[in-house]
C-alpha atoms as a PDB file:
ATOM      1  CA  MET A   1      83.747 102.676  95.601  1.00  0.00           C
ATOM      2  CA  GLN A   2      86.899 103.146  97.562  1.00  0.00           C
ATOM      3  CA  VAL A   3      88.717 100.366  96.455  1.00  0.00           C
ATOM      4  CA  GLY A   4      91.947  98.986  98.658  1.00  0.00           C
ATOM      5  CA  VAL A   5      93.264  95.521  99.479  1.00  0.00           C
ATOM      6  CA  GLY A   6      90.749  93.760 101.596  1.00  0.00           C
ATOM      7  CA  SER A   7      87.633  95.870 100.077  1.00  0.00           C
ATOM      8  CA  CYS A   8      84.798  93.501  98.604  1.00  0.00           C
ATOM      9  CA  GLY A   9      82.914  94.359  95.532  1.00  0.00           C
ATOM     10  CA  LEU A  10      81.329  93.206  92.404  1.00  0.00           C
ATOM     11  CA  ALA A  11      83.174  92.367  89.388  1.00  0.00           C
ATOM     12  CA  GLN A  12      82.091  90.940  85.851  1.00  0.00           C
ATOM     13  CA  PHE A  13      84.379  87.743  85.136  1.00  0.00           C
ATOM     14  CA  GLU A  14      83.343  85.691  82.133  1.00  0.00           C
ATOM     15  CA  GLU A  15      80.001  88.210  81.127  1.00  0.00           C
ATOM     16  CA  MET A  16      78.780  87.123  84.946  1.00  0.00           C
ATOM     17  CA  PHE A  17      79.090  89.265  88.310  1.00  0.00           C
ATOM     18  CA  TYR A  18      80.743  87.485  90.892  1.00  0.00           C
ATOM     19  CA  ARG A  19      81.652  88.969  94.780  1.00  0.00           C
ATOM     20  CA  ALA A  20      85.322  89.417  94.724  1.00  0.00           C
ATOM     21  CA  GLU A  21      87.866  90.570  97.424  1.00  0.00           C
ATOM     22  CA  VAL A  22      90.675  92.624  96.446  1.00  0.00           C
ATOM     23  CA  GLN A  23      93.957  91.011  96.637  1.00  0.00           C
ATOM     24  CA  SER A  24      96.408  93.654  95.116  1.00  0.00           C
ATOM     25  CA  LEU A  25      96.429  96.942  93.247  1.00  0.00           C
ATOM     26  CA  THR A  26      98.882  97.365  90.430  1.00  0.00           C
ATOM     27  CA  ALA A  27     100.342 100.388  89.185  1.00  0.00           C
ATOM     28  CA  ASP A  28      98.370 100.593  85.796  1.00  0.00           C
ATOM     29  CA  GLY A  29      94.786 101.190  87.784  1.00  0.00           C
ATOM     30  CA  ARG A  30      93.914  97.455  87.823  1.00  0.00           C
ATOM     31  CA  ALA A  31      92.805  95.259  90.819  1.00  0.00           C
ATOM     32  CA  VAL A  32      93.894  91.493  91.449  1.00  0.00           C
ATOM     33  CA  LEU A  33      90.856  89.808  92.697  1.00  0.00           C
ATOM     34  CA  ARG A  34      89.776  86.788  94.282  1.00  0.00           C
ATOM     35  CA  LEU A  35      86.580  85.582  93.414  1.00  0.00           C
ATOM     36  CA  VAL A  36      85.326  84.612  97.081  1.00  0.00           C
ATOM     37  CA  ASP A  37      82.408  81.728  95.982  1.00  0.00           C
ATOM     38  CA  PHE A  38      84.612  79.907  93.437  1.00  0.00           C
ATOM     39  CA  GLY A  39      88.206  80.733  94.574  1.00  0.00           C
ATOM     40  CA  ASN A  40      89.640  81.595  91.165  1.00  0.00           C
ATOM     41  CA  SER A  41      91.432  84.847  90.315  1.00  0.00           C
ATOM     42  CA  THR A  42      90.990  87.756  87.720  1.00  0.00           C
ATOM     43  CA  THR A  43      92.531  91.433  87.200  1.00  0.00           C
ATOM     44  CA  VAL A  44      90.000  94.033  86.062  1.00  0.00           C
ATOM     45  CA  PRO A  45      90.447  98.113  85.785  1.00  0.00           C
ATOM     46  CA  THR A  46      89.361  99.467  89.280  1.00  0.00           C
ATOM     47  CA  THR A  47      86.908 101.171  87.121  1.00  0.00           C
ATOM     48  CA  GLU A  48      84.965  98.021  86.468  1.00  0.00           C
ATOM     49  CA  LEU A  49      84.274  97.167  90.142  1.00  0.00           C
ATOM     50  CA  PHE A  50      80.919  97.910  91.609  1.00  0.00           C
ATOM     51  CA  SER A  51      80.258  98.127  95.553  1.00  0.00           C
ATOM     52  CA  LEU A  52      78.135  95.970  97.804  1.00  0.00           C
ATOM     53  CA  ALA A  53      77.323  98.364  99.974  1.00  0.00           C
ATOM     54  CA  GLY A  54      73.608  98.519  99.667  1.00  0.00           C
ATOM     55  CA  ASP A  55      73.273  94.828  99.702  1.00  0.00           C
ATOM     56  CA  GLN A  56      73.214  93.448 103.002  1.00  0.00           C
ATOM     57  CA  SER A  57      72.419  89.827 102.137  1.00  0.00           C
ATOM     58  CA  LEU A  58      75.530  89.736  99.661  1.00  0.00           C
ATOM     59  CA  LEU A  59      77.719  91.082 102.312  1.00  0.00           C
ATOM     60  CA  SER A  60      76.171  88.753 105.178  1.00  0.00           C
ATOM     61  CA  THR A  61      76.485  85.648 103.323  1.00  0.00           C
ATOM     62  CA  PRO A  62      80.043  83.691 104.112  1.00  0.00           C
ATOM     63  CA  ALA A  63      82.576  82.951 101.263  1.00  0.00           C
ATOM     64  CA  LEU A  64      81.700  79.769  99.743  1.00  0.00           C
ATOM     65  CA  CYS A  65      85.174  78.730  98.796  1.00  0.00           C
ATOM     66  CA  PHE A  66      88.313  78.001 100.846  1.00  0.00           C
ATOM     67  CA  ASP A  67      91.668  76.986 100.525  1.00  0.00           C
ATOM     68  CA  ALA A  68      92.338  73.838 101.778  1.00  0.00           C
ATOM     69  CA  VAL A  69      95.649  71.743 102.351  1.00  0.00           C
ATOM     70  CA  PHE A  70      95.218  68.048 101.519  1.00  0.00           C
ATOM     71  CA  ASP A  71      97.740  65.757 103.996  1.00  0.00           C
ATOM     72  CA  ASP A  72      98.768  62.395 102.290  1.00  0.00           C
ATOM     73  CA  ALA A  73      96.846  63.219  99.014  1.00  0.00           C
ATOM     74  CA  GLU A  74      98.001  61.154  96.007  1.00  0.00           C
ATOM     75  CA  LEU A  75      97.438  61.844  92.363  1.00  0.00           C
ATOM     76  CA  ILE A  76      95.360  59.034  90.776  1.00  0.00           C
ATOM     77  CA  GLY A  77      95.942  59.403  87.292  1.00  0.00           C
ATOM     78  CA  GLU A  78      97.332  62.503  85.006  1.00  0.00           C
ATOM     79  CA  ASP A  79      94.276  61.970  83.030  1.00  0.00           C
ATOM     80  CA  ILE A  80      92.512  64.048  85.618  1.00  0.00           C
ATOM     81  CA  LEU A  81      94.214  67.113  85.096  1.00  0.00           C
ATOM     82  CA  GLU A  82      94.116  67.096  81.502  1.00  0.00           C
ATOM     83  CA  GLY A  83      91.119  69.762  81.328  1.00  0.00           C
ATOM     84  CA  GLU A  84      93.441  71.975  83.333  1.00  0.00           C
ATOM     85  CA  ARG A  85      96.225  72.419  80.914  1.00  0.00           C
END
């Protein structure tokens, strides 16, 4: 698989495979990925990326996660964030 910024493929994260887009490449041969269906990021060796070239259904399915900005949002309780810390 040719790996470059913007390329898409499958990457393993927490013992499962997810669709991923390469955000950047590091000098030590790793790829910083955005998991397009969940929105989180991970870094993996480029040798652990797999091509989607043979699976048209995965290539044609739009990303399920989008960045969002909320106007006038207020935090209603810090205890909501406790699981994230």
